[in-house]
Every structure is written in C-alpha cells, then in structure tokens.
C-alpha cells in the first residue's frame, strides 16, 4: 500500500512538474541554437499564465514584463552586437524557460518556391559541398510545410547547426548566400527557410494586403469565410501518407489544392514568425506566376511591401532571383513568351527602394526547371545584399538597360552597372534583336563601343526598338567584366 502511494506521489509530482514547465512558452520560432538579429530591438514573445510577472535574462541584460489578461507577453532586447553562444533564461515566480547556444548576428528569411526549397543534396557537387559545410556559426530553421485559411501562431521546426549531417536538408541557394555572408562579415548567420515548390506569390501574401489587389479582392473575402480548416486537411494528408508506408492497401491521398490559395502559405508559414527580428529577405519565385506575368507587375511589389509592413520596416532589404534560362532555345526572334514577361516584371520591382536582383539567365538548364548550379545563385544574392543591406561599395549587378539613342541606321544602347566595362562571355555578342516601324524583329549585329552597345541590321534601315535575351532560353552573352550577366530587356511595349 505504502509502495503504491509512493508511486502515485511520484506520478503526481512528475505531472505537476510537467504542467508547470508549460507555464511559460515562447513562440515556436525560438529555441536552442537560434540566431538573433544584431543591432535592433529584437522582440521575444510567447504565452504564460494571465497577468504574470516575467523576467528575461540575456547577454548581461535583465528585462521585466507582465503578461496580458489573455496570457500573451513580449519584450524587446536592447541593441546587441554579434557574438555568442549565450544562454537566454525566462522566469516567473514558479517556472523558468531556458534557451542554450544562442548567437547574435545576421538573420535572413529565405522564401519562394522549388528553386529556393531545393536542397543541398540535389545540386552540383553535392557531396563535396555537404562535406565542407562545417560552420558552427551558421544556423538554419526550416519551417515545416503547412497551409491555413486563417493566420496561425505556431510553426514546426527547430534551429539546426550547419554541419554535414544537417546541411543535406538546407536550401542550397540560402546556404551559399549564408556562407558568403558569414565569411565576408565574420558574424553568425541565421536563415529562416520557408519555401514550397510550385506555389504562387499570392499564396505568400497576407489578406490585409491582397484584399487591396483588384484581381484577388473577392477571393480573399470568400476564403476568409470558408469553414474548412485547411491546416487540418493538410495534417490528415500527411498522416495518411505516413500510414501508407506500413500498409499499402491504404489509398494514396490527394494533396489539398488549397496550398496555392491566396494567403494560405502566408497564414501558415510566415505569420507565425512575424515579428522575429530579421535583416531582410531573399526570394526565389515566379515560375508559378509566369502565365500571369502582367499581373506580377503589381502583385510582386505588393508582397514586398506587405512583408515590410508586417515587420514594420519600410527599408527591409528584399533580394530576389530573376528566372533562369529554361527550355529549348529559339532560332529566330519570337514576339514574346510568359517567362520573358515575368522577368520583365521582376526587373520592374527594382523601382522599389532597398531591392536587389540576382540575374540567372546564364546558369539555368534547358532540360531542367530546377538548375543545379545554386552556388552562383547564392553568390549573386549575397553580392546584391552586400550593397543593398550592408552598404558595401561593390559591383553587385550585371548591366541593366538605361536608355537608347538612334543614329541613322544604328541604335546605341546604354547601361547602368557596367562595372569595369562591358564584355561578351564567349565570342561575338548574341541575343540582341532590332526592329523598325513594322515591329518585325531581326537578329542584330552588336558591337561594344565604350560603355554602350551599338546595334544594326541590314534588314532594318531605321531602328525603332531593341530587345535583348527576349526568350525563355536566350543565348545570353552580355556581361560586365566582373562576370555578372546583363538582365533581359526591351525598349518597346508591343
């Protein structure tokens, strides 16, 4: 009898301790090995008992707060310099929560579709790159795939150290970006990776912003009224898939189509991490919006401003990858196609301040929409970020169209970001087109003259318009001498 009472007491003590341990919680984005953004008042938030006094101790600072009547709390750290590892302790009168091996450095959100999601194990020289991924001060948080019809507060995931075992599952583009940032700035780097293949921009945008877009206003209102719990639908899908591994009689489930609904991914994969302190965003997406490229001209800036508003930072750097070359190369000039128009929409987004674009027109794969050269993608993303986010005086972009002058039968095109000068990557310049008033384009003879390109064609006596790399897979040839490719462009609006 006494023995049974002893076991019962032990059980109750264990249960009570477990319950107390759950008294204080931090948002799911926080955890051991996390990286906090330096130089800002980084917010730390979570839940506890209502109206409870809490103390947060970190990096020699002691901060006090009190939870609200619904149990929510938030404190903001003083501006800290890069360093660590450190320990964070959050306490109440009855309980404490501890996070270990915390670093302070630079934190970036990496998002988009499959080319950002693409793992290190899937790229060129994968095993070599994975074996060399030994950077204790680089940490990744992979946000688990999820959907929701309303904003939620929790995500699944944990902060992982950058080592060969963990790096296999890292976004390759984000890893190479993080590596260059870490080595160049000599600071810890944290990447929050939230990407999902074959997803459109509108799915990553909040309802508060998307409802102002005329093409999505009605959809947002309709989806907000739906009673279906998309998160539950996706959870059931995952459970059924897992069950099939041990029981092949179970019918294969169908992926909920709701994952691409407007706001669905913002609600489930971005909202729960707002307002975690970040320096900026790297973004690789557009393939899924290419058939609506004109719409992307307004939709993409809407997303950028939406996320800036959510983080209350109108200067938050937003660095993105322009669509790479893909599909069979056309032998003659074509009127246009969806990918050229999407690239144009992406270039237009550079009108927004604190943006940068990594051009990938030369490192794609005609046969694979997921090119395996993510090393150069990461490098170019960081080059842009080094200027936009860190004010480094570097050549961070390839040539960008700046203007055209017609002189008799020739067109002279000028560029920004020429660096040390214009050059062809291999042989004569290609992929330039020229047209007269009849709007018919011909391949142009192109010559580098100083910082300009002079174009002509025996078929066009009076040039009216010029295009460059105006196809899904152009024979892009124009670079600056720093090795960065020129962005596709056109001077017409036909």
Protein backbone atom coordinates (compact mmCIF):
# COMPACT_ATOMS: atom_id res chain seq x y z
CA UNK A 1 0.00 0.00 0.00
CA UNK A 2 2.79 2.40 1.01
CA UNK A 3 4.64 1.42 -2.13
CA UNK A 4 1.60 2.25 -4.26
CA UNK A 5 1.19 5.60 -2.54
CA UNK A 6 4.86 6.35 -3.26
CA UNK A 7 4.37 5.60 -6.97
CA UNK A 8 1.26 7.77 -7.03
CA UNK A 9 3.09 10.65 -5.41
CA UNK A 10 5.92 10.29 -7.90
CA UNK A 11 3.42 10.30 -10.75
CA UNK A 12 1.63 13.39 -9.41
CA UNK A 13 4.93 15.16 -8.83
CA UNK A 14 6.01 14.34 -12.37
CA UNK A 15 2.69 15.50 -13.77
CA UNK A 16 2.81 18.69 -11.74
CA UNK A 17 6.36 19.46 -12.87
CA UNK A 18 5.38 18.86 -16.48
CA UNK A 19 2.40 21.15 -16.14
CA UNK A 20 4.50 23.88 -14.52
CA UNK A 21 7.12 23.51 -17.24
CA UNK A 22 4.45 24.50 -19.74
CA UNK A 23 3.52 27.62 -17.77
CA UNK A 24 5.88 29.81 -19.80
CA UNK A 25 6.18 29.25 -23.54
CA UNK A 26 7.97 31.21 -26.23
CA UNK A 27 6.78 31.39 -29.82
CA UNK A 28 7.76 28.28 -31.77
CA UNK A 29 10.40 30.14 -33.82
CA UNK A 30 12.55 30.46 -30.67
CA UNK A 31 14.74 27.62 -29.48
CA UNK A 32 18.20 26.32 -28.70
CA UNK A 33 20.81 27.29 -31.33
CA UNK A 34 18.78 30.22 -32.63
CA UNK A 35 20.34 33.35 -34.08
CA UNK A 36 19.02 36.76 -33.06
CA UNK A 37 19.40 39.83 -35.25
CA UNK A 38 22.10 42.22 -34.10
CA UNK A 39 21.70 45.98 -33.94
CA UNK A 40 17.92 46.07 -33.44
CA UNK A 41 15.48 45.78 -30.56
CA UNK A 42 14.74 42.14 -31.36
CA UNK A 43 11.36 41.05 -29.99
CA UNK A 44 10.93 37.92 -27.86
CA UNK A 45 7.36 36.82 -27.25
CA UNK A 46 5.19 33.98 -26.04
CA UNK A 47 2.48 32.99 -23.57
CA UNK A 48 2.14 32.29 -19.86
CA UNK A 49 -0.47 32.48 -17.15
CA UNK A 50 -2.51 35.69 -17.39
CA UNK A 51 -1.20 38.79 -15.63
CA UNK A 52 2.05 37.09 -14.68
CA UNK A 53 5.32 38.86 -13.90
CA UNK A 54 8.16 37.61 -16.09
CA UNK A 55 11.89 38.25 -16.24
CA UNK A 56 14.11 37.67 -19.26
CA UNK A 57 17.87 37.50 -18.82
CA UNK A 58 20.19 37.56 -21.82
CA UNK A 59 23.65 38.86 -22.68
CA UNK A 60 24.00 40.64 -19.34
CA UNK A 61 20.61 42.31 -19.62
CA UNK A 62 17.61 41.77 -17.34
CA UNK A 63 14.22 42.72 -18.75
CA UNK A 64 10.92 42.58 -16.90
CA UNK A 65 7.42 42.38 -18.31
CA UNK A 66 3.94 41.22 -17.40
CA UNK A 67 1.69 39.01 -19.48
CA UNK A 68 -1.66 40.35 -20.60
CA UNK A 69 -5.01 39.14 -19.38
CA UNK A 70 -5.02 36.59 -22.20
CA UNK A 71 -1.53 35.38 -21.26
CA UNK A 72 0.48 36.95 -24.07
CA UNK A 73 3.80 38.67 -23.43
CA UNK A 74 6.59 40.36 -25.37
CA UNK A 75 9.89 42.01 -24.54
CA UNK A 76 12.34 43.75 -26.83
CA UNK A 77 16.05 43.25 -26.36
CA UNK A 78 18.48 46.16 -26.32
CA UNK A 79 20.55 46.52 -29.47
CA UNK A 80 23.26 43.86 -29.29
CA UNK A 81 26.49 43.24 -31.18
CA UNK A 82 27.28 39.96 -32.90
CA UNK A 83 28.52 37.22 -30.62
CA UNK A 84 27.73 34.15 -28.55
CA UNK A 85 27.00 31.43 -27.79
CA UNK A 86 24.85 32.72 -24.95
CA UNK A 87 22.04 31.47 -22.73
CA UNK A 88 18.59 33.05 -22.51
CA UNK A 89 16.52 32.50 -19.37
CA UNK A 90 12.86 33.48 -18.98
CA UNK A 91 11.43 33.09 -15.46
CA UNK A 92 8.27 33.58 -13.46
CA UNK A 93 7.69 33.00 -9.76
CA UNK A 94 7.03 29.32 -10.43
CA UNK A 95 8.84 28.40 -13.61
CA UNK A 96 11.71 29.03 -16.00
CA UNK A 97 12.40 28.55 -19.70
CA UNK A 98 15.98 28.24 -20.96
CA UNK A 99 17.41 28.53 -24.47
CA UNK A 100 21.03 27.48 -24.95
CA UNK A 101 23.75 28.13 -27.55
CA UNK A 102 22.09 31.34 -28.76
CA UNK A 103 24.03 33.52 -31.21
CA UNK A 104 23.62 37.17 -32.18
CA UNK A 105 24.35 38.03 -35.79
CA UNK A 106 22.57 38.43 -39.13
CA UNK A 107 19.19 36.77 -39.76
CA UNK A 108 17.59 36.41 -43.18
CA UNK A 109 14.28 34.94 -44.29
CA UNK A 110 14.64 32.71 -47.38
CA UNK A 111 11.38 32.07 -49.20
CA UNK A 112 9.81 31.21 -52.55
CA UNK A 113 9.07 28.05 -54.48
CA UNK A 114 11.02 24.97 -55.51
CA UNK A 115 14.26 26.63 -56.59
CA UNK A 116 14.61 28.16 -53.13
CA UNK A 117 13.40 24.96 -51.49
CA UNK A 118 15.90 22.82 -53.46
CA UNK A 119 18.17 21.02 -51.01
CA UNK A 120 21.94 20.81 -50.86
CA UNK A 121 21.72 17.09 -51.63
CA UNK A 122 20.23 17.91 -55.06
CA UNK A 123 22.81 20.30 -56.54
CA UNK A 124 26.08 20.19 -58.47
CA UNK A 125 28.97 18.72 -56.48
CA UNK A 126 26.51 17.95 -53.72
CA UNK A 127 28.63 15.59 -51.64
CA UNK A 128 31.68 17.85 -51.72
CA UNK A 129 29.65 20.89 -50.73
CA UNK A 130 27.91 18.98 -47.93
CA UNK A 131 31.20 17.62 -46.59
CA UNK A 132 32.59 21.16 -46.46
CA UNK A 133 29.52 22.63 -44.75
CA UNK A 134 31.17 22.94 -41.35
CA UNK A 135 30.17 26.33 -39.98
CA UNK A 136 29.14 26.25 -36.35
CA UNK A 137 28.03 29.88 -36.55
CA UNK A 138 25.57 29.33 -39.39
CA UNK A 139 22.16 28.07 -38.25
CA UNK A 140 19.04 27.12 -40.22
CA UNK A 141 15.39 26.95 -39.19
CA UNK A 142 13.36 25.02 -41.78
CA UNK A 143 9.71 25.99 -41.46
CA UNK A 144 7.61 22.85 -41.95
CA UNK A 145 5.22 22.88 -44.89
CA UNK A 146 1.71 23.86 -43.86
CA UNK A 147 -1.41 25.70 -45.04
CA UNK A 148 -4.13 27.61 -43.22
CA UNK A 149 -7.21 29.63 -44.14
CA UNK A 150 -6.50 31.99 -41.23
CA UNK A 151 -3.22 33.27 -39.72
CA UNK A 152 -1.87 30.86 -37.09
CA UNK A 153 0.71 31.33 -34.35
CA UNK A 154 2.80 28.16 -34.39
CA UNK A 155 5.21 26.55 -36.84
CA UNK A 156 7.01 23.24 -36.69
CA UNK A 157 10.78 23.28 -36.95
CA UNK A 158 13.96 23.78 -34.95
CA UNK A 159 17.26 25.61 -35.29
CA UNK A 160 19.98 23.37 -36.75
CA UNK A 161 23.73 23.86 -36.72
CA UNK A 162 25.44 23.90 -40.10
CA UNK A 163 27.31 20.60 -40.30
CA UNK A 164 27.46 17.88 -42.98
CA UNK A 165 24.63 15.91 -41.42
CA UNK A 166 22.18 18.81 -41.18
CA UNK A 167 23.26 20.63 -44.34
CA UNK A 168 21.73 17.94 -46.57
CA UNK A 169 18.31 19.39 -45.78
CA UNK A 170 19.23 23.07 -46.14
CA UNK A 171 18.08 25.26 -49.01
CA UNK A 172 21.11 25.29 -51.30
CA UNK A 173 20.62 28.86 -52.55
CA UNK A 174 20.16 30.08 -48.98
CA UNK A 175 23.18 28.12 -47.75
CA UNK A 176 25.57 29.63 -50.30
CA UNK A 177 24.15 33.07 -49.50
CA UNK A 178 24.65 32.45 -45.78
CA UNK A 179 28.17 31.11 -46.28
CA UNK A 180 29.27 34.16 -48.24
CA UNK A 181 27.67 36.48 -45.70
CA UNK A 182 29.32 34.66 -42.78
CA UNK A 183 32.77 34.64 -44.35
CA UNK A 184 32.57 38.23 -45.59
CA UNK A 185 31.10 39.85 -42.48
CA UNK A 186 32.63 37.44 -39.94
CA UNK A 187 29.37 37.21 -38.00
CA UNK A 188 26.94 34.41 -37.08
CA UNK A 189 24.19 33.92 -39.65
CA UNK A 190 20.70 32.57 -39.17
CA UNK A 191 18.45 31.51 -42.05
CA UNK A 192 14.72 31.02 -41.61
CA UNK A 193 13.77 28.91 -44.62
CA UNK A 194 10.09 28.97 -45.62
CA UNK A 195 9.61 27.73 -49.18
CA UNK A 196 7.31 25.35 -51.06
CA UNK A 197 7.58 24.14 -54.64
CA UNK A 198 5.02 25.11 -57.29
CA UNK A 199 3.49 27.94 -55.28
CA UNK A 200 2.34 31.38 -56.48
CA UNK A 201 3.15 34.76 -55.00
CA UNK A 202 -0.40 35.43 -53.86
CA UNK A 203 -0.31 32.41 -51.56
CA UNK A 204 2.58 34.07 -49.68
CA UNK A 205 0.79 37.42 -49.28
CA UNK A 206 -1.40 38.40 -46.32
CA UNK A 207 -5.11 39.04 -46.64
CA UNK A 208 -4.69 42.61 -45.38
CA UNK A 209 -2.65 43.49 -48.46
CA UNK A 210 -4.07 41.08 -51.01
CA UNK A 211 -7.60 42.34 -50.44
CA UNK A 212 -6.46 45.63 -51.99
CA UNK A 213 -5.48 43.94 -55.26
CA UNK A 214 -8.42 44.03 -57.70
CA UNK A 215 -7.70 40.52 -59.00
CA UNK A 216 -7.81 38.94 -55.55
CA UNK A 217 -10.21 41.06 -53.51
CA UNK A 218 -13.22 38.79 -53.99
CA UNK A 219 -11.18 35.64 -53.49
CA UNK A 220 -9.77 36.82 -50.17
CA UNK A 221 -13.22 37.69 -48.86
CA UNK A 222 -14.56 34.32 -49.96
CA UNK A 223 -11.69 32.33 -48.46
CA UNK A 224 -11.92 34.17 -45.15
CA UNK A 225 -15.50 32.96 -44.81
CA UNK A 226 -14.71 29.31 -45.51
CA UNK A 227 -15.31 26.98 -42.60
CA UNK A 228 -12.90 24.33 -43.90
CA UNK A 229 -9.77 24.05 -41.77
CA UNK A 230 -7.01 23.83 -44.38
CA UNK A 231 -4.36 23.12 -41.78
CA UNK A 232 -6.34 20.09 -40.59
CA UNK A 233 -6.82 18.90 -44.18
CA UNK A 234 -3.08 19.02 -44.78
CA UNK A 235 -2.35 17.31 -41.47
CA UNK A 236 -4.69 14.47 -42.43
CA UNK A 237 -2.94 14.21 -45.79
CA UNK A 238 0.44 13.81 -44.08
CA UNK A 239 -0.90 11.24 -41.63
CA UNK A 240 -2.41 9.15 -44.43
CA UNK A 241 0.84 9.30 -46.39
CA UNK A 242 2.76 8.11 -43.35
CA UNK A 243 0.29 5.27 -42.71
CA UNK A 244 0.73 4.03 -46.29
CA UNK A 245 4.38 3.26 -45.56
CA UNK A 246 3.31 0.30 -43.44
CA UNK A 247 0.02 -0.50 -45.16
CA UNK A 248 -0.01 -0.44 -48.96
CA UNK A 249 -3.75 -1.13 -49.03
CA UNK A 250 -4.41 2.47 -47.97
CA UNK A 251 -5.39 4.62 -50.92
CA UNK A 252 -2.93 7.37 -51.81
CA UNK A 253 -4.23 10.72 -50.53
CA UNK A 254 -4.62 13.77 -52.71
CA UNK A 255 -2.64 16.88 -51.84
CA UNK A 256 -5.08 19.60 -50.73
CA UNK A 257 -5.25 22.11 -53.57
CA UNK A 258 -5.75 24.83 -51.01
CA UNK A 259 -1.98 25.23 -50.63
CA UNK A 260 -1.97 27.64 -53.56
CA UNK A 261 -4.99 29.64 -52.47
CA UNK A 262 -4.33 33.32 -51.85
CA UNK A 263 -2.95 33.88 -48.29
CA UNK A 264 -2.74 30.13 -47.48
CA UNK A 265 1.05 29.99 -47.12
CA UNK A 266 1.41 33.40 -45.55
CA UNK A 267 -1.09 32.36 -42.89
CA UNK A 268 0.68 29.10 -42.04
CA UNK A 269 4.38 29.68 -42.77
CA UNK A 270 5.06 33.42 -42.49
CA UNK A 271 2.54 34.84 -40.00
CA UNK A 272 3.83 32.63 -37.14
CA UNK A 273 7.37 34.03 -37.44
CA UNK A 274 6.36 37.71 -37.58
CA UNK A 275 7.88 39.84 -36.00
CA UNK A 276 11.04 37.76 -35.37
CA UNK A 277 14.00 40.08 -35.93
CA UNK A 278 15.43 39.73 -39.42
CA UNK A 279 17.79 41.77 -41.57
CA UNK A 280 16.00 41.08 -44.83
CA UNK A 281 14.54 38.59 -47.32
CA UNK A 282 15.99 36.52 -50.14
CA UNK A 283 13.34 35.32 -52.58
CA UNK A 284 13.31 32.86 -55.50
CA UNK A 285 9.87 32.53 -57.04
CA UNK A 286 8.00 33.40 -60.21
CA UNK A 287 7.66 30.25 -62.28
CA UNK A 288 4.14 29.64 -60.95
CA UNK A 289 3.06 33.19 -61.82
CA UNK A 290 4.61 33.26 -65.30
CA UNK A 291 1.31 32.75 -67.12
CA UNK A 292 0.07 35.90 -65.35
CA UNK A 293 3.21 37.96 -65.82
CA UNK A 294 1.47 41.32 -66.32
CA UNK A 295 -0.36 40.77 -63.03
CA UNK A 296 3.01 40.11 -61.36
CA UNK A 297 3.99 43.72 -62.03
CA UNK A 298 1.63 44.76 -59.24
CA UNK A 299 1.44 41.52 -57.26
CA UNK A 300 5.17 41.14 -56.55
CA UNK A 301 5.66 44.71 -55.22
CA UNK A 302 2.51 44.15 -53.16
CA UNK A 303 4.13 41.14 -51.49
CA UNK A 304 7.37 43.05 -50.84
CA UNK A 305 5.55 45.95 -49.22
CA UNK A 306 3.26 43.55 -47.36
CA UNK A 307 6.17 41.84 -45.63
CA UNK A 308 7.84 45.17 -44.91
CA UNK A 309 4.63 46.35 -43.27
CA UNK A 310 4.34 43.16 -41.23
CA UNK A 311 7.88 43.62 -39.92
CA UNK A 312 7.30 47.38 -39.54
CA UNK A 313 10.43 48.08 -41.58
CA UNK A 314 9.94 50.03 -44.79
CA UNK A 315 13.67 49.74 -45.52
CA UNK A 316 13.87 45.97 -45.12
CA UNK A 317 16.15 44.66 -47.90
CA UNK A 318 14.43 42.35 -50.35
CA UNK A 319 16.79 40.50 -52.71
CA UNK A 320 15.33 38.22 -55.38
CA UNK A 321 16.41 35.88 -58.18
CA UNK A 322 15.28 36.53 -61.73
CA UNK A 323 14.04 33.44 -63.56
CA UNK A 324 16.86 31.36 -65.06
CA UNK A 325 17.04 30.22 -68.67
CA UNK A 326 14.98 27.13 -69.50
CA UNK A 327 13.53 25.08 -72.39
CA UNK A 328 14.67 24.74 -76.00
CA UNK A 329 16.40 27.79 -77.46
CA UNK A 330 14.54 29.55 -80.28
CA UNK A 331 16.46 30.01 -83.52
CA UNK A 332 14.58 33.11 -84.63
CA UNK A 333 13.28 36.12 -82.67
CA UNK A 334 9.89 35.46 -81.11
CA UNK A 335 7.16 38.00 -80.27
CA UNK A 336 7.24 37.21 -76.58
CA UNK A 337 6.59 34.44 -74.06
CA UNK A 338 5.48 34.11 -70.48
CA UNK A 339 8.96 33.84 -68.94
CA UNK A 340 10.29 36.94 -70.69
CA UNK A 341 7.33 38.90 -69.40
CA UNK A 342 7.80 37.57 -65.88
CA UNK A 343 11.48 38.53 -65.91
CA UNK A 344 10.44 42.00 -67.05
CA UNK A 345 8.01 42.23 -64.12
CA UNK A 346 10.78 41.20 -61.76
CA UNK A 347 13.09 43.89 -63.15
CA UNK A 348 10.33 46.45 -62.69
CA UNK A 349 10.28 45.63 -58.98
CA UNK A 350 13.74 47.20 -58.70
CA UNK A 351 11.93 50.54 -58.72
CA UNK A 352 11.15 49.83 -55.08
CA UNK A 353 13.91 51.07 -52.76
CA UNK A 354 16.15 48.60 -50.95
CA UNK A 355 15.69 45.85 -53.51
CA UNK A 356 18.26 43.86 -55.47
CA UNK A 357 18.09 41.22 -58.21
CA UNK A 358 20.35 38.28 -58.96
CA UNK A 359 20.22 37.59 -62.70
CA UNK A 360 20.45 33.88 -63.55
CA UNK A 361 19.94 33.98 -67.33
CA UNK A 362 23.26 32.18 -67.90
CA UNK A 363 23.19 29.44 -65.22
CA UNK A 364 19.91 27.67 -65.94
CA UNK A 365 19.30 24.34 -67.63
CA UNK A 366 17.35 23.91 -70.86
CA UNK A 367 16.11 20.50 -69.73
CA UNK A 368 15.53 21.14 -66.03
CA UNK A 369 13.39 23.82 -64.41
CA UNK A 370 15.48 23.23 -61.29
CA UNK A 371 19.04 24.11 -62.38
CA UNK A 372 21.66 22.54 -60.11
CA UNK A 373 24.05 25.49 -60.03
CA UNK A 374 22.88 27.10 -56.81
CA UNK A 375 26.42 28.17 -55.90
CA UNK A 376 26.30 31.13 -58.27
CA UNK A 377 22.72 31.92 -57.27
CA UNK A 378 23.76 32.26 -53.63
CA UNK A 379 26.85 34.25 -54.59
CA UNK A 380 24.85 36.73 -56.67
CA UNK A 381 22.19 37.07 -53.98
CA UNK A 382 24.85 37.99 -51.47
CA UNK A 383 26.56 40.41 -53.84
CA UNK A 384 23.28 42.30 -54.13
CA UNK A 385 22.69 42.10 -50.38
CA UNK A 386 26.21 43.30 -49.61
CA UNK A 387 25.33 46.59 -51.30
CA UNK A 388 21.62 46.93 -50.52
CA UNK A 389 21.76 45.72 -46.91
CA UNK A 390 25.37 46.34 -45.89
CA UNK A 391 26.26 49.43 -47.97
CA UNK A 392 29.37 47.88 -49.46
CA UNK A 393 30.82 49.67 -52.47
CA UNK A 394 30.90 46.70 -54.84
CA UNK A 395 29.73 45.84 -58.33
CA UNK A 396 26.65 43.88 -57.30
CA UNK A 397 24.64 43.71 -60.52
CA UNK A 398 25.17 42.94 -64.16
CA UNK A 399 24.34 45.57 -66.80
CA UNK A 400 20.79 46.97 -66.62
CA UNK A 401 19.26 48.78 -69.60
CA UNK A 402 19.36 52.56 -69.15
CA UNK A 403 18.49 54.14 -72.49
CA UNK A 404 18.64 54.07 -76.30
CA UNK A 405 19.62 56.62 -78.93
CA UNK A 406 19.01 56.06 -82.66
CA UNK A 407 21.67 57.41 -85.00
CA UNK A 408 20.69 56.85 -88.65
CA UNK A 409 20.64 53.07 -89.16
CA UNK A 410 22.13 52.22 -85.77
CA UNK A 411 20.83 52.03 -82.24
CA UNK A 412 23.09 52.85 -79.31
CA UNK A 413 22.09 51.27 -76.01
CA UNK A 414 23.47 52.44 -72.66
CA UNK A 415 23.51 50.63 -69.33
CA UNK A 416 23.81 51.04 -65.60
CA UNK A 417 26.08 48.74 -63.60
CA UNK A 418 28.74 48.38 -66.28
CA UNK A 419 31.46 47.97 -63.65
CA UNK A 420 34.88 47.93 -65.25
CA UNK A 421 33.27 47.66 -68.67
CA UNK A 422 31.06 45.58 -70.92
CA UNK A 423 32.19 42.29 -72.37
CA UNK A 424 30.98 39.20 -74.15
CA UNK A 425 31.26 35.94 -72.25
CA UNK A 426 32.24 33.88 -75.28
CA UNK A 427 32.76 35.16 -78.82
CA UNK A 428 30.56 37.75 -80.52
CA UNK A 429 27.55 39.29 -78.82
CA UNK A 430 24.33 37.37 -79.38
CA UNK A 431 20.63 37.53 -78.41
CA UNK A 432 20.22 41.18 -79.50
CA UNK A 433 17.24 41.97 -81.73
CA UNK A 434 16.34 45.11 -83.63
CA UNK A 435 13.12 46.25 -85.31
CA UNK A 436 11.82 49.11 -87.42
CA UNK A 437 8.38 50.68 -87.58
CA UNK A 438 6.91 47.44 -88.94
CA UNK A 439 7.56 45.86 -85.49
CA UNK A 440 9.32 42.89 -87.02
CA UNK A 441 12.45 41.87 -85.13
CA UNK A 442 15.67 40.58 -86.65
CA UNK A 443 18.86 39.37 -85.03
CA UNK A 444 21.16 42.35 -84.71
CA UNK A 445 24.85 42.80 -85.29
CA UNK A 446 26.10 44.02 -81.93
CA UNK A 447 29.36 45.74 -81.03
CA UNK A 448 30.72 47.03 -77.74
CA UNK A 449 31.76 50.68 -78.09
CA UNK A 450 32.95 52.02 -74.76
CA UNK A 451 30.11 51.56 -72.29
CA UNK A 452 27.49 51.21 -74.99
CA UNK A 453 26.25 48.54 -77.38
CA UNK A 454 25.85 49.64 -81.00
CA UNK A 455 23.27 47.61 -82.93
CA UNK A 456 22.38 47.37 -86.58
CA UNK A 457 20.90 45.02 -89.15
CA UNK A 458 20.82 45.10 -92.92
CA UNK A 459 17.11 44.30 -92.62
CA UNK A 460 16.35 47.46 -90.61
CA UNK A 461 17.19 50.85 -92.08
CA UNK A 462 15.56 52.94 -89.36
CA UNK A 463 15.66 51.26 -85.93
CA UNK A 464 12.73 51.84 -83.61
CA UNK A 465 13.12 49.18 -80.94
CA UNK A 466 15.70 46.85 -79.45
CA UNK A 467 15.44 43.69 -77.38
CA UNK A 468 17.99 41.55 -75.58
CA UNK A 469 17.65 37.97 -74.34
CA UNK A 470 13.94 38.16 -75.05
CA UNK A 471 13.06 34.45 -74.83
CA UNK A 472 12.81 31.72 -72.23
CA UNK A 473 16.28 30.37 -73.06
CA UNK A 474 18.27 33.06 -74.87
CA UNK A 475 21.89 32.83 -75.97
CA UNK A 476 22.73 35.49 -73.40
CA UNK A 477 26.19 36.90 -73.99
CA UNK A 478 26.46 40.36 -72.43
CA UNK A 479 28.27 40.69 -69.07
CA UNK A 480 30.25 43.27 -67.22
CA UNK A 481 33.92 42.49 -66.63
CA UNK A 482 33.10 41.47 -63.06
CA UNK A 483 31.35 38.43 -64.58
CA UNK A 484 27.74 39.39 -63.92
CA UNK A 485 25.21 38.89 -66.74
CA UNK A 486 23.05 41.63 -68.20
CA UNK A 487 19.36 41.46 -67.46
CA UNK A 488 17.00 40.83 -70.39
CA UNK A 489 15.21 43.96 -71.62
CA UNK A 490 13.16 45.52 -74.39
CA UNK A 491 12.70 49.13 -75.40
CA UNK A 492 9.23 48.62 -76.87
CA UNK A 493 5.86 47.80 -75.29
CA UNK A 494 4.43 45.86 -78.21
